[in-house]
């Protein structure tokens, strides 16, 4: 199932949240319902984000990137190519916790590095402010590659991995084989 497969960045983001989620998505064909946050995210004015971040250079919006070697693909909200190459992930609403968005952001930087040859900076724009501003280093790229290896191991399993968190509010609990009724 894994050899030659393509992995969307969203599977890596889900892996960070709970390792059962990418297994469900890949193995069952379950489609995530669109959230209000996703709809609101499409309404964010990306030009205003570029202005607020004071980014200079060629602005590329909603860029599909695919890395042949790793099998990773995704759509980056913004890439600005000037003196530096900056990758921006935009979220409409502030969150208390956004570790899984950090991995998503770094995965987009990894894709830019692998396909465009460069990614110097990665910014998470959340709500109306900077949530994360990361100078992309080799250690970040290696961390994404390690998560890709972990994702492959999860998806190769016949059974879902153990649940590592409380399932009470998870939208997948109805379809998760690890969730208790």
C-alpha atoms as a PDB file:
ATOM      1  CA  UNK A   1       0.000   0.000   0.000  1.00  0.00           C
ATOM      2  CA  UNK A   2       2.851   2.399   0.788  1.00  0.00           C
ATOM      3  CA  UNK A   3       5.391   2.007  -2.016  1.00  0.00           C
ATOM      4  CA  UNK A   4       4.798   4.724  -4.592  1.00  0.00           C
ATOM      5  CA  UNK A   5       2.021   6.318  -2.533  1.00  0.00           C
ATOM      6  CA  UNK A   6       1.481  10.050  -2.258  1.00  0.00           C
ATOM      7  CA  UNK A   7       0.998  11.619   1.144  1.00  0.00           C
ATOM      8  CA  UNK A   8      -0.783  14.903   1.625  1.00  0.00           C
ATOM      9  CA  UNK A   9       0.576  17.264   4.275  1.00  0.00           C
ATOM     10  CA  UNK A  10      -2.802  17.038   6.008  1.00  0.00           C
ATOM     11  CA  UNK A  11      -2.021  13.397   6.905  1.00  0.00           C
ATOM     12  CA  UNK A  12       1.137  14.577   8.677  1.00  0.00           C
ATOM     13  CA  UNK A  13      -0.856  17.240  10.500  1.00  0.00           C
ATOM     14  CA  UNK A  14      -3.381  14.617  11.591  1.00  0.00           C
ATOM     15  CA  UNK A  15      -0.566  12.280  12.661  1.00  0.00           C
ATOM     16  CA  UNK A  16       0.652  14.957  15.061  1.00  0.00           C
ATOM     17  CA  UNK A  17      -2.827  15.260  16.550  1.00  0.00           C
ATOM     18  CA  UNK A  18      -3.534  11.504  16.804  1.00  0.00           C
ATOM     19  CA  UNK A  19      -1.826   8.646  14.887  1.00  0.00           C
ATOM     20  CA  UNK A  20      -5.136   6.860  14.322  1.00  0.00           C
ATOM     21  CA  UNK A  21      -6.505   9.697  12.160  1.00  0.00           C
ATOM     22  CA  UNK A  22      -4.252   9.213   9.103  1.00  0.00           C
ATOM     23  CA  UNK A  23      -4.816   5.459   9.371  1.00  0.00           C
ATOM     24  CA  UNK A  24      -8.602   6.027   9.244  1.00  0.00           C
ATOM     25  CA  UNK A  25      -8.337   8.443   6.321  1.00  0.00           C
ATOM     26  CA  UNK A  26      -6.000   6.228   4.291  1.00  0.00           C
ATOM     27  CA  UNK A  27      -7.556   2.850   5.104  1.00  0.00           C
ATOM     28  CA  UNK A  28     -11.292   3.511   5.180  1.00  0.00           C
ATOM     29  CA  UNK A  29     -11.807   6.232   2.590  1.00  0.00           C
ATOM     30  CA  UNK A  30     -13.530   8.353   5.219  1.00  0.00           C
ATOM     31  CA  UNK A  31     -13.678  11.996   4.166  1.00  0.00           C
ATOM     32  CA  UNK A  32     -13.338  14.709   6.772  1.00  0.00           C
ATOM     33  CA  UNK A  33     -16.370  16.953   6.888  1.00  0.00           C
ATOM     34  CA  UNK A  34     -15.532  20.544   6.024  1.00  0.00           C
ATOM     35  CA  UNK A  35     -15.318  22.713   9.116  1.00  0.00           C
ATOM     36  CA  UNK A  36     -16.372  26.306   9.622  1.00  0.00           C
ATOM     37  CA  UNK A  37     -12.724  27.100  10.211  1.00  0.00           C
ATOM     38  CA  UNK A  38     -11.795  25.735   6.778  1.00  0.00           C
ATOM     39  CA  UNK A  39     -14.539  27.783   5.125  1.00  0.00           C
ATOM     40  CA  UNK A  40     -13.432  30.916   6.991  1.00  0.00           C
ATOM     41  CA  UNK A  41      -9.818  30.245   6.028  1.00  0.00           C
ATOM     42  CA  UNK A  42     -10.703  30.448   2.349  1.00  0.00           C
ATOM     43  CA  UNK A  43     -12.165  33.909   3.002  1.00  0.00           C
ATOM     44  CA  UNK A  44      -8.950  35.372   4.438  1.00  0.00           C
ATOM     45  CA  UNK A  45      -7.524  38.054   2.141  1.00  0.00           C
ATOM     46  CA  UNK A  46      -4.047  36.725   1.355  1.00  0.00           C
ATOM     47  CA  UNK A  47      -2.958  40.107  -0.044  1.00  0.00           C
ATOM     48  CA  UNK A  48      -3.598  41.665   3.368  1.00  0.00           C
ATOM     49  CA  UNK A  49      -1.537  38.933   5.031  1.00  0.00           C
ATOM     50  CA  UNK A  50       1.369  39.717   2.683  1.00  0.00           C
ATOM     51  CA  UNK A  51       1.024  43.426   3.504  1.00  0.00           C
ATOM     52  CA  UNK A  52       0.808  42.866   7.265  1.00  0.00           C
ATOM     53  CA  UNK A  53       3.917  40.655   7.151  1.00  0.00           C
ATOM     54  CA  UNK A  54       5.655  43.272   4.974  1.00  0.00           C
ATOM     55  CA  UNK A  55       6.799  40.597   2.524  1.00  0.00           C
ATOM     56  CA  UNK A  56       8.484  41.763  -0.670  1.00  0.00           C
ATOM     57  CA  UNK A  57       8.897  39.789  -3.854  1.00  0.00           C
ATOM     58  CA  UNK A  58       6.914  37.509  -6.124  1.00  0.00           C
ATOM     59  CA  UNK A  59       3.733  36.395  -4.355  1.00  0.00           C
ATOM     60  CA  UNK A  60       2.417  32.925  -5.171  1.00  0.00           C
ATOM     61  CA  UNK A  61      -0.985  31.954  -3.747  1.00  0.00           C
ATOM     62  CA  UNK A  62      -2.382  28.492  -3.092  1.00  0.00           C
ATOM     63  CA  UNK A  63       0.579  26.716  -4.653  1.00  0.00           C
ATOM     64  CA  UNK A  64       0.395  22.956  -5.182  1.00  0.00           C
ATOM     65  CA  UNK A  65       3.770  21.355  -4.492  1.00  0.00           C
ATOM     66  CA  UNK A  66       4.694  17.692  -4.883  1.00  0.00           C
ATOM     67  CA  UNK A  67       8.027  16.108  -4.047  1.00  0.00           C
ATOM     68  CA  UNK A  68       8.689  12.998  -6.106  1.00  0.00           C
ATOM     69  CA  UNK A  69      11.344  11.558  -3.776  1.00  0.00           C
ATOM     70  CA  UNK A  70       9.413  11.734  -0.512  1.00  0.00           C
ATOM     71  CA  UNK A  71       5.918  11.336  -1.969  1.00  0.00           C
ATOM     72  CA  UNK A  72       4.734  14.393  -0.016  1.00  0.00           C
ATOM     73  CA  UNK A  73       2.327  16.896  -1.547  1.00  0.00           C
ATOM     74  CA  UNK A  74       0.235  19.817  -0.418  1.00  0.00           C
ATOM     75  CA  UNK A  75      -1.166  23.236  -1.187  1.00  0.00           C
ATOM     76  CA  UNK A  76       0.747  26.115   0.394  1.00  0.00           C
ATOM     77  CA  UNK A  77      -1.346  29.202   1.129  1.00  0.00           C
ATOM     78  CA  UNK A  78       1.444  31.669   0.283  1.00  0.00           C
ATOM     79  CA  UNK A  79       4.993  31.571  -0.989  1.00  0.00           C
ATOM     80  CA  UNK A  80       6.812  34.862  -1.353  1.00  0.00           C
ATOM     81  CA  UNK A  81      10.046  34.742  -3.334  1.00  0.00           C
ATOM     82  CA  UNK A  82      12.228  37.777  -2.804  1.00  0.00           C
ATOM     83  CA  UNK A  83      15.620  38.021  -1.125  1.00  0.00           C
ATOM     84  CA  UNK A  84      14.265  35.191   1.000  1.00  0.00           C
ATOM     85  CA  UNK A  85      11.731  32.484   0.275  1.00  0.00           C
ATOM     86  CA  UNK A  86       8.943  32.680   2.833  1.00  0.00           C
ATOM     87  CA  UNK A  87       6.239  30.049   3.234  1.00  0.00           C
ATOM     88  CA  UNK A  88       3.022  31.191   4.951  1.00  0.00           C
ATOM     89  CA  UNK A  89       0.206  29.009   6.294  1.00  0.00           C
ATOM     90  CA  UNK A  90      -2.959  30.962   7.088  1.00  0.00           C
ATOM     91  CA  UNK A  91      -5.529  30.027   9.728  1.00  0.00           C
ATOM     92  CA  UNK A  92      -8.647  32.165  10.189  1.00  0.00           C
ATOM     93  CA  UNK A  93      -9.030  31.684  13.946  1.00  0.00           C
ATOM     94  CA  UNK A  94      -6.682  31.771  16.918  1.00  0.00           C
ATOM     95  CA  UNK A  95      -6.204  28.527  18.811  1.00  0.00           C
ATOM     96  CA  UNK A  96      -4.899  27.772  22.263  1.00  0.00           C
ATOM     97  CA  UNK A  97      -2.751  24.944  20.944  1.00  0.00           C
ATOM     98  CA  UNK A  98      -1.348  24.633  17.471  1.00  0.00           C
ATOM     99  CA  UNK A  99       1.502  22.099  17.538  1.00  0.00           C
ATOM    100  CA  UNK A 100      -0.067  20.184  14.665  1.00  0.00           C
ATOM    101  CA  UNK A 101      -0.125  23.418  12.628  1.00  0.00           C
ATOM    102  CA  UNK A 102       3.609  23.799  13.318  1.00  0.00           C
ATOM    103  CA  UNK A 103       4.234  20.447  11.654  1.00  0.00           C
ATOM    104  CA  UNK A 104       1.968  21.425   8.757  1.00  0.00           C
ATOM    105  CA  UNK A 105       3.899  24.686   8.326  1.00  0.00           C
ATOM    106  CA  UNK A 106       7.288  22.958   8.448  1.00  0.00           C
ATOM    107  CA  UNK A 107       6.039  20.345   5.990  1.00  0.00           C
ATOM    108  CA  UNK A 108       5.181  23.102   3.535  1.00  0.00           C
ATOM    109  CA  UNK A 109       8.654  24.588   4.072  1.00  0.00           C
ATOM    110  CA  UNK A 110      10.084  21.122   3.387  1.00  0.00           C
ATOM    111  CA  UNK A 111       8.101  20.921   0.151  1.00  0.00           C
ATOM    112  CA  UNK A 112       9.288  24.378  -0.909  1.00  0.00           C
ATOM    113  CA  UNK A 113      12.863  23.420  -0.113  1.00  0.00           C
ATOM    114  CA  UNK A 114      12.601  20.157  -2.062  1.00  0.00           C
ATOM    115  CA  UNK A 115      10.751  21.565  -5.092  1.00  0.00           C
ATOM    116  CA  UNK A 116      11.814  25.213  -5.319  1.00  0.00           C
ATOM    117  CA  UNK A 117      15.310  24.678  -3.966  1.00  0.00           C
ATOM    118  CA  UNK A 118      14.867  27.014  -1.035  1.00  0.00           C
ATOM    119  CA  UNK A 119      12.767  27.890   1.998  1.00  0.00           C
ATOM    120  CA  UNK A 120      14.282  30.360   4.429  1.00  0.00           C
ATOM    121  CA  UNK A 121      11.346  31.308   6.610  1.00  0.00           C
ATOM    122  CA  UNK A 122       8.040  29.721   7.611  1.00  0.00           C
ATOM    123  CA  UNK A 123       5.228  31.814   9.108  1.00  0.00           C
ATOM    124  CA  UNK A 124       1.962  30.682  10.654  1.00  0.00           C
ATOM    125  CA  UNK A 125      -0.574  33.519  10.337  1.00  0.00           C
ATOM    126  CA  UNK A 126      -3.336  32.759  12.795  1.00  0.00           C
ATOM    127  CA  UNK A 127      -6.321  35.010  13.324  1.00  0.00           C
ATOM    128  CA  UNK A 128      -4.813  38.379  12.516  1.00  0.00           C
ATOM    129  CA  UNK A 129      -1.293  37.929  13.825  1.00  0.00           C
ATOM    130  CA  UNK A 130       1.849  35.833  13.605  1.00  0.00           C
ATOM    131  CA  UNK A 131       1.520  32.614  15.584  1.00  0.00           C
ATOM    132  CA  UNK A 132       4.899  31.194  14.586  1.00  0.00           C
ATOM    133  CA  UNK A 133       7.844  32.662  12.700  1.00  0.00           C
ATOM    134  CA  UNK A 134      10.528  30.054  12.052  1.00  0.00           C
ATOM    135  CA  UNK A 135      13.902  30.407  10.397  1.00  0.00           C
ATOM    136  CA  UNK A 136      13.980  27.118   8.482  1.00  0.00           C
ATOM    137  CA  UNK A 137      17.012  25.009   9.336  1.00  0.00           C
ATOM    138  CA  UNK A 138      18.230  21.575   8.381  1.00  0.00           C
ATOM    139  CA  UNK A 139      16.924  20.155  11.675  1.00  0.00           C
ATOM    140  CA  UNK A 140      13.385  21.176  10.681  1.00  0.00           C
ATOM    141  CA  UNK A 141      13.691  19.385   7.345  1.00  0.00           C
ATOM    142  CA  UNK A 142      15.020  16.250   9.068  1.00  0.00           C
ATOM    143  CA  UNK A 143      12.118  16.364  11.552  1.00  0.00           C
ATOM    144  CA  UNK A 144       9.618  16.359   8.659  1.00  0.00           C
ATOM    145  CA  UNK A 145      11.406  13.395   7.090  1.00  0.00           C
ATOM    146  CA  UNK A 146      11.198  11.540  10.422  1.00  0.00           C
ATOM    147  CA  UNK A 147       7.454  12.259  10.620  1.00  0.00           C
ATOM    148  CA  UNK A 148       7.078  10.930   7.067  1.00  0.00           C
ATOM    149  CA  UNK A 149       8.786   7.701   8.143  1.00  0.00           C
ATOM    150  CA  UNK A 150       6.446   7.493  11.139  1.00  0.00           C
ATOM    151  CA  UNK A 151       3.434   8.102   8.876  1.00  0.00           C
ATOM    152  CA  UNK A 152       4.530   5.265   6.591  1.00  0.00           C
ATOM    153  CA  UNK A 153       4.832   2.920   9.585  1.00  0.00           C
ATOM    154  CA  UNK A 154       1.328   3.857  10.770  1.00  0.00           C
ATOM    155  CA  UNK A 155      -0.187   3.351   7.324  1.00  0.00           C
ATOM    156  CA  UNK A 156       1.540  -0.004   6.848  1.00  0.00           C
ATOM    157  CA  UNK A 157      -0.183  -1.419   9.929  1.00  0.00           C
ATOM    158  CA  UNK A 158      -3.087  -3.792   9.420  1.00  0.00           C
ATOM    159  CA  UNK A 159      -4.632  -2.573  12.668  1.00  0.00           C
ATOM    160  CA  UNK A 160      -4.840   1.067  13.786  1.00  0.00           C
ATOM    161  CA  UNK A 161      -2.144   2.271  16.178  1.00  0.00           C
ATOM    162  CA  UNK A 162      -2.975   2.708  19.859  1.00  0.00           C
ATOM    163  CA  UNK A 163      -4.871   5.841  20.868  1.00  0.00           C
ATOM    164  CA  UNK A 164      -2.602   8.269  22.689  1.00  0.00           C
ATOM    165  CA  UNK A 165      -5.180  10.866  23.757  1.00  0.00           C
ATOM    166  CA  UNK A 166      -8.696  11.377  25.041  1.00  0.00           C
ATOM    167  CA  UNK A 167     -11.289  10.835  22.313  1.00  0.00           C
ATOM    168  CA  UNK A 168     -14.224  12.671  23.922  1.00  0.00           C
ATOM    169  CA  UNK A 169     -14.449  15.573  21.486  1.00  0.00           C
ATOM    170  CA  UNK A 170     -12.900  13.997  18.392  1.00  0.00           C
ATOM    171  CA  UNK A 171     -15.000  14.232  15.237  1.00  0.00           C
ATOM    172  CA  UNK A 172     -13.667  10.791  14.233  1.00  0.00           C
ATOM    173  CA  UNK A 173     -14.955   8.939  17.311  1.00  0.00           C
ATOM    174  CA  UNK A 174     -17.946   7.601  15.350  1.00  0.00           C
ATOM    175  CA  UNK A 175     -15.667   5.862  12.824  1.00  0.00           C
ATOM    176  CA  UNK A 176     -12.560   5.215  14.925  1.00  0.00           C
ATOM    177  CA  UNK A 177     -11.942   1.549  15.716  1.00  0.00           C
ATOM    178  CA  UNK A 178     -10.016   2.603  18.849  1.00  0.00           C
ATOM    179  CA  UNK A 179     -12.689   4.896  20.299  1.00  0.00           C
ATOM    180  CA  UNK A 180     -14.936   3.604  23.069  1.00  0.00           C
ATOM    181  CA  UNK A 181     -18.672   4.164  22.627  1.00  0.00           C
END
